[in-house]
C-alpha atoms as a PDB file:
ATOM      1  CA  UNK A   1      15.067   0.635 -14.481  1.00  0.00           C
ATOM      2  CA  UNK A   2      15.539  -3.020 -15.439  1.00  0.00           C
ATOM      3  CA  UNK A   3      19.295  -2.588 -15.877  1.00  0.00           C
ATOM      4  CA  UNK A   4      19.567  -0.792 -12.523  1.00  0.00           C
ATOM      5  CA  UNK A   5      17.692  -3.616 -10.831  1.00  0.00           C
ATOM      6  CA  UNK A   6      20.029  -6.184 -12.381  1.00  0.00           C
ATOM      7  CA  UNK A   7      23.073  -4.331 -11.117  1.00  0.00           C
ATOM      8  CA  UNK A   8      21.617  -4.101  -7.618  1.00  0.00           C
ATOM      9  CA  UNK A   9      20.684  -7.797  -7.577  1.00  0.00           C
ATOM     10  CA  UNK A  10      24.163  -8.845  -8.722  1.00  0.00           C
ATOM     11  CA  UNK A  11      25.628  -7.462  -5.499  1.00  0.00           C
ATOM     12  CA  UNK A  12      23.580  -9.865  -3.381  1.00  0.00           C
ATOM     13  CA  UNK A  13      22.792 -12.727  -5.719  1.00  0.00           C
ATOM     14  CA  UNK A  14      25.592 -12.899  -8.269  1.00  0.00           C
ATOM     15  CA  UNK A  15      25.092 -12.992 -12.012  1.00  0.00           C
ATOM     16  CA  UNK A  16      21.591 -13.158 -13.441  1.00  0.00           C
ATOM     17  CA  UNK A  17      20.599 -16.338 -15.278  1.00  0.00           C
ATOM     18  CA  UNK A  18      20.917 -16.162 -19.049  1.00  0.00           C
ATOM     19  CA  UNK A  19      17.177 -16.831 -19.378  1.00  0.00           C
ATOM     20  CA  UNK A  20      16.230 -13.656 -17.482  1.00  0.00           C
ATOM     21  CA  UNK A  21      14.483 -11.168 -19.733  1.00  0.00           C
ATOM     22  CA  UNK A  22      12.344  -8.054 -19.609  1.00  0.00           C
ATOM     23  CA  UNK A  23       9.252  -7.942 -21.753  1.00  0.00           C
ATOM     24  CA  UNK A  24       5.812  -6.398 -21.769  1.00  0.00           C
ATOM     25  CA  UNK A  25       2.818  -8.639 -21.386  1.00  0.00           C
ATOM     26  CA  UNK A  26      -0.718  -7.473 -22.171  1.00  0.00           C
ATOM     27  CA  UNK A  27      -3.301 -10.089 -21.305  1.00  0.00           C
ATOM     28  CA  UNK A  28      -6.307  -7.789 -21.042  1.00  0.00           C
ATOM     29  CA  UNK A  29      -9.003  -8.366 -18.438  1.00  0.00           C
ATOM     30  CA  UNK A  30      -7.932 -10.894 -15.825  1.00  0.00           C
ATOM     31  CA  UNK A  31      -8.586 -12.023 -12.277  1.00  0.00           C
ATOM     32  CA  UNK A  32      -6.039 -13.050  -9.729  1.00  0.00           C
ATOM     33  CA  UNK A  33      -5.791 -14.616  -6.309  1.00  0.00           C
ATOM     34  CA  UNK A  34      -2.942 -14.912  -3.824  1.00  0.00           C
ATOM     35  CA  UNK A  35      -2.057 -18.487  -2.838  1.00  0.00           C
ATOM     36  CA  UNK A  36      -0.104 -18.868   0.383  1.00  0.00           C
ATOM     37  CA  UNK A  37       1.519 -22.238   0.915  1.00  0.00           C
ATOM     38  CA  UNK A  38       3.283 -24.932  -1.083  1.00  0.00           C
ATOM     39  CA  UNK A  39       2.812 -25.145  -4.831  1.00  0.00           C
ATOM     40  CA  UNK A  40       1.512 -28.694  -4.381  1.00  0.00           C
ATOM     41  CA  UNK A  41      -1.595 -27.199  -2.716  1.00  0.00           C
ATOM     42  CA  UNK A  42      -2.427 -24.617  -5.402  1.00  0.00           C
ATOM     43  CA  UNK A  43      -5.156 -26.794  -6.965  1.00  0.00           C
ATOM     44  CA  UNK A  44      -7.782 -25.866  -4.367  1.00  0.00           C
ATOM     45  CA  UNK A  45      -7.033 -22.148  -4.760  1.00  0.00           C
ATOM     46  CA  UNK A  46      -7.278 -22.393  -8.551  1.00  0.00           C
ATOM     47  CA  UNK A  47     -10.517 -24.374  -8.201  1.00  0.00           C
ATOM     48  CA  UNK A  48     -12.063 -21.595  -6.048  1.00  0.00           C
ATOM     49  CA  UNK A  49     -11.120 -19.072  -8.698  1.00  0.00           C
ATOM     50  CA  UNK A  50     -12.475 -21.141 -11.611  1.00  0.00           C
ATOM     51  CA  UNK A  51     -15.509 -22.740  -9.951  1.00  0.00           C
ATOM     52  CA  UNK A  52     -16.695 -19.855  -7.800  1.00  0.00           C
ATOM     53  CA  UNK A  53     -15.361 -16.383  -8.488  1.00  0.00           C
ATOM     54  CA  UNK A  54     -15.237 -16.459 -12.283  1.00  0.00           C
ATOM     55  CA  UNK A  55     -18.774 -17.795 -12.932  1.00  0.00           C
ATOM     56  CA  UNK A  56     -20.310 -15.805 -10.057  1.00  0.00           C
ATOM     57  CA  UNK A  57     -19.039 -12.618 -11.692  1.00  0.00           C
ATOM     58  CA  UNK A  58     -20.199 -13.373 -15.236  1.00  0.00           C
ATOM     59  CA  UNK A  59     -16.739 -14.173 -16.542  1.00  0.00           C
ATOM     60  CA  UNK A  60     -15.184 -16.945 -18.627  1.00  0.00           C
ATOM     61  CA  UNK A  61     -11.540 -18.058 -18.938  1.00  0.00           C
ATOM     62  CA  UNK A  62      -9.835 -17.027 -22.174  1.00  0.00           C
ATOM     63  CA  UNK A  63      -6.487 -18.756 -21.849  1.00  0.00           C
ATOM     64  CA  UNK A  64      -4.084 -20.453 -19.477  1.00  0.00           C
ATOM     65  CA  UNK A  65      -3.431 -19.060 -16.017  1.00  0.00           C
ATOM     66  CA  UNK A  66       0.053 -18.018 -15.073  1.00  0.00           C
ATOM     67  CA  UNK A  67       1.867 -17.777 -11.795  1.00  0.00           C
ATOM     68  CA  UNK A  68       3.923 -14.999 -10.260  1.00  0.00           C
ATOM     69  CA  UNK A  69       6.199 -16.231  -7.489  1.00  0.00           C
ATOM     70  CA  UNK A  70       6.710 -13.665  -4.736  1.00  0.00           C
ATOM     71  CA  UNK A  71       9.118 -15.649  -2.581  1.00  0.00           C
ATOM     72  CA  UNK A  72      12.192 -17.724  -3.396  1.00  0.00           C
ATOM     73  CA  UNK A  73      11.327 -21.419  -2.845  1.00  0.00           C
ATOM     74  CA  UNK A  74      14.993 -22.170  -2.178  1.00  0.00           C
ATOM     75  CA  UNK A  75      14.970 -19.880   0.860  1.00  0.00           C
ATOM     76  CA  UNK A  76      11.362 -19.994   2.074  1.00  0.00           C
ATOM     77  CA  UNK A  77       9.522 -22.653   4.034  1.00  0.00           C
ATOM     78  CA  UNK A  78       6.802 -24.208   1.827  1.00  0.00           C
ATOM     79  CA  UNK A  79       3.939 -23.016   4.063  1.00  0.00           C
ATOM     80  CA  UNK A  80       5.176 -19.417   3.693  1.00  0.00           C
ATOM     81  CA  UNK A  81       5.469 -19.376  -0.102  1.00  0.00           C
ATOM     82  CA  UNK A  82       3.329 -16.754  -1.855  1.00  0.00           C
ATOM     83  CA  UNK A  83       2.154 -17.117  -5.448  1.00  0.00           C
ATOM     84  CA  UNK A  84      -0.153 -14.853  -7.439  1.00  0.00           C
ATOM     85  CA  UNK A  85      -2.367 -17.004  -9.681  1.00  0.00           C
ATOM     86  CA  UNK A  86      -3.578 -14.893 -12.599  1.00  0.00           C
ATOM     87  CA  UNK A  87      -6.260 -15.935 -15.097  1.00  0.00           C
ATOM     88  CA  UNK A  88      -7.213 -14.021 -18.276  1.00  0.00           C
ATOM     89  CA  UNK A  89     -11.011 -13.727 -18.631  1.00  0.00           C
ATOM     90  CA  UNK A  90     -13.767 -12.145 -20.683  1.00  0.00           C
ATOM     91  CA  UNK A  91     -17.261 -11.000 -19.759  1.00  0.00           C
ATOM     92  CA  UNK A  92     -20.093 -13.290 -20.873  1.00  0.00           C
END
């Protein structure tokens, strides 16, 4: 499926960057939130996740959050960018 996706993307985007890779990632229990807007304004969204949702639900962070970009920042207006902010957690 990965190879098929690469071939399809090449038709519209050209060659894939050399750094592109496919790998599995198992982080266990995690929470996530969708941030809409520029990356420079993510701090308040992350703060809501860490200061409100996580403690209110008896959870604790177990590592660094990561970000999944759903829109291309080169082609999207900053206020329309969408980023999934994902934080691994454990129950306390």
